Amino acid sequence: MKTITGSCLCGAVCFEVDDNFQQLNLCHCDQCQRATGSAHASNLFTDPGNIRWTEGKEYVKRFDLPGRDISNAFCTECGSGLPYVSKTGKSLIVQAGVLNEAFASNPTVRNIFWSERADWYDAAIDAEHVAAFPE
């Protein structure tokens, strides 16, 4: 099985996971919009023990939203999202954007909490696509 590396933006935290993802959920709920500052979270789900921290685990901070099943982990140096075990302990959740390589596993892909998607999301998907900053 292929090993994939990941890291935060500043490189203080590094990890490895096996390419064994069962789900990729693009979560459009209000909480994930706030947690990511974007239209949705892009969360891969795998087995809870499928992580090896290779550098900077001491920079990982976890946040659990009181009264909800919403959690987040991030680098205390740069704020990048990082993997965490779900509150139920059944899954390791890995933000797809922190992986350094593409995954080859074929997870089930879903847009969840679609009814809560940002009101600007549909227009943004249809907007012009450019390779870099527009001039």
Protein backbone atom coordinates (compact mmCIF):
# COMPACT_ATOMS: atom_id res chain seq x y z
CA MET A 1 0.00 0.00 0.00
CA LYS A 2 1.28 3.46 -0.91
CA THR A 3 2.36 5.81 1.87
CA ILE A 4 1.39 9.46 1.49
CA THR A 5 3.04 12.32 3.35
CA GLY A 6 1.35 15.46 4.57
CA SER A 7 2.25 18.68 6.32
CA CYS A 8 0.98 22.03 7.47
CA LEU A 9 1.70 25.21 5.53
CA CYS A 10 4.80 26.18 7.52
CA GLY A 11 6.20 22.64 7.67
CA ALA A 12 6.35 22.47 11.48
CA VAL A 13 4.03 19.43 11.48
CA CYS A 14 4.60 16.44 9.18
CA PHE A 15 2.90 13.05 9.04
CA GLU A 16 2.45 9.89 6.98
CA VAL A 17 -0.70 7.91 6.22
CA ASP A 18 -1.38 4.78 4.19
CA ASP A 19 -3.42 5.39 1.05
CA ASN A 20 -6.45 3.61 2.44
CA PHE A 21 -9.26 6.17 2.37
CA GLN A 22 -12.87 4.96 2.48
CA GLN A 23 -14.69 8.30 2.10
CA LEU A 24 -14.12 11.83 0.83
CA ASN A 25 -16.80 14.13 2.20
CA LEU A 26 -17.09 17.68 0.95
CA CYS A 27 -18.96 19.07 3.93
CA HIS A 28 -20.94 22.24 3.23
CA CYS A 29 -22.36 22.69 6.76
CA ASP A 30 -22.20 26.10 8.41
CA GLN A 31 -19.64 24.90 10.97
CA CYS A 32 -17.24 23.53 8.33
CA GLN A 33 -17.52 26.78 6.39
CA ARG A 34 -16.44 28.65 9.52
CA ALA A 35 -13.73 26.14 10.46
CA THR A 36 -12.14 26.28 7.00
CA GLY A 37 -12.98 29.84 5.97
CA SER A 38 -14.11 28.36 2.68
CA ALA A 39 -17.15 26.89 0.95
CA HIS A 40 -16.64 23.41 2.40
CA ALA A 41 -14.30 21.08 4.23
CA SER A 42 -12.66 18.37 2.11
CA ASN A 43 -12.29 15.50 4.58
CA LEU A 44 -10.89 12.06 3.84
CA PHE A 45 -11.87 9.26 6.24
CA THR A 46 -9.64 6.31 7.10
CA ASP A 47 -8.90 3.98 10.01
CA PRO A 48 -8.15 5.83 13.29
CA GLY A 49 -4.66 4.32 13.65
CA ASN A 50 -3.61 5.23 10.12
CA ILE A 51 -1.23 8.06 10.98
CA ARG A 52 2.40 8.39 11.87
CA TRP A 53 3.48 11.82 13.07
CA THR A 54 7.01 12.36 11.78
CA GLU A 55 7.61 15.91 12.98
CA GLY A 56 6.03 18.54 15.19
CA LYS A 57 3.21 16.64 16.89
CA GLU A 58 3.60 19.09 19.78
CA TYR A 59 2.29 21.84 17.47
CA VAL A 60 -1.04 20.09 16.91
CA LYS A 61 -3.99 21.59 18.81
CA ARG A 62 -7.46 20.09 18.79
CA PHE A 63 -10.74 21.95 19.11
CA ASP A 64 -14.06 20.21 19.87
CA LEU A 65 -17.17 22.33 19.42
CA PRO A 66 -19.21 22.00 22.63
CA GLY A 67 -22.51 20.21 22.18
CA ARG A 68 -21.79 19.11 18.59
CA ASP A 69 -19.92 16.35 16.82
CA ILE A 70 -17.67 18.93 15.17
CA SER A 71 -13.92 18.84 15.77
CA ASN A 72 -10.89 20.37 14.17
CA ALA A 73 -7.14 20.15 14.61
CA PHE A 74 -4.61 22.68 13.44
CA CYS A 75 -0.97 23.74 13.60
CA THR A 76 -0.41 26.26 16.39
CA GLU A 77 2.30 27.94 14.28
CA CYS A 78 0.48 28.55 10.94
CA GLY A 79 -3.15 27.54 11.56
CA SER A 80 -3.30 24.87 8.84
CA GLY A 81 -5.84 22.11 9.39
CA LEU A 82 -4.37 18.76 10.43
CA PRO A 83 -5.63 15.18 10.83
CA TYR A 84 -7.56 14.17 13.93
CA VAL A 85 -9.50 11.20 15.24
CA SER A 86 -13.27 11.71 15.26
CA LYS A 87 -15.03 12.12 18.62
CA THR A 88 -16.48 8.60 18.19
CA GLY A 89 -12.97 7.22 17.71
CA LYS A 90 -14.10 5.36 14.58
CA SER A 91 -12.26 7.42 11.94
CA LEU A 92 -9.15 9.43 11.29
CA ILE A 93 -10.17 12.57 9.40
CA VAL A 94 -7.53 13.97 7.05
CA GLN A 95 -8.08 17.28 5.26
CA ALA A 96 -7.33 16.48 1.61
CA GLY A 97 -5.49 19.77 1.11
CA VAL A 98 -2.68 18.93 3.56
CA LEU A 99 -1.54 15.86 1.63
CA ASN A 100 1.70 16.29 -0.31
CA GLU A 101 0.81 13.69 -2.94
CA ALA A 102 -2.37 12.58 -4.68
CA PHE A 103 -4.20 9.60 -3.20
CA ALA A 104 -4.85 6.59 -5.45
CA SER A 105 -7.45 4.86 -3.28
CA ASN A 106 -10.98 5.18 -4.59
CA PRO A 107 -13.06 6.55 -1.70
CA THR A 108 -16.79 7.16 -1.91
CA VAL A 109 -17.19 10.90 -2.65
CA ARG A 110 -20.15 12.87 -1.31
CA ASN A 111 -21.24 16.50 -0.98
CA ILE A 112 -22.83 16.48 2.47
CA PHE A 113 -25.04 19.14 4.09
CA TRP A 114 -25.67 20.38 0.54
CA SER A 115 -28.68 22.43 1.64
CA GLU A 116 -26.36 24.55 3.84
CA ARG A 117 -23.90 25.35 1.02
CA ALA A 118 -22.78 28.97 0.72
CA ASP A 119 -25.15 31.06 -1.35
CA TRP A 120 -22.25 32.04 -3.64
CA TYR A 121 -20.97 28.48 -4.18
CA ASP A 122 -22.85 27.58 -7.38
CA ALA A 123 -21.82 30.82 -9.11
CA ALA A 124 -18.20 30.32 -8.02
CA ILE A 125 -18.05 26.81 -9.53
CA ASP A 126 -19.20 28.23 -12.89
CA ALA A 127 -16.81 31.20 -12.77
CA GLU A 128 -13.81 31.64 -15.06
CA HIS A 129 -10.90 29.25 -14.40
CA VAL A 130 -7.40 30.79 -14.51
CA ALA A 131 -4.02 29.19 -13.76
CA ALA A 132 -2.70 31.89 -11.40
CA PHE A 133 -3.60 35.29 -9.97
CA PRO A 134 -5.68 37.20 -12.53
CA GLU A 135 -4.14 40.33 -14.00
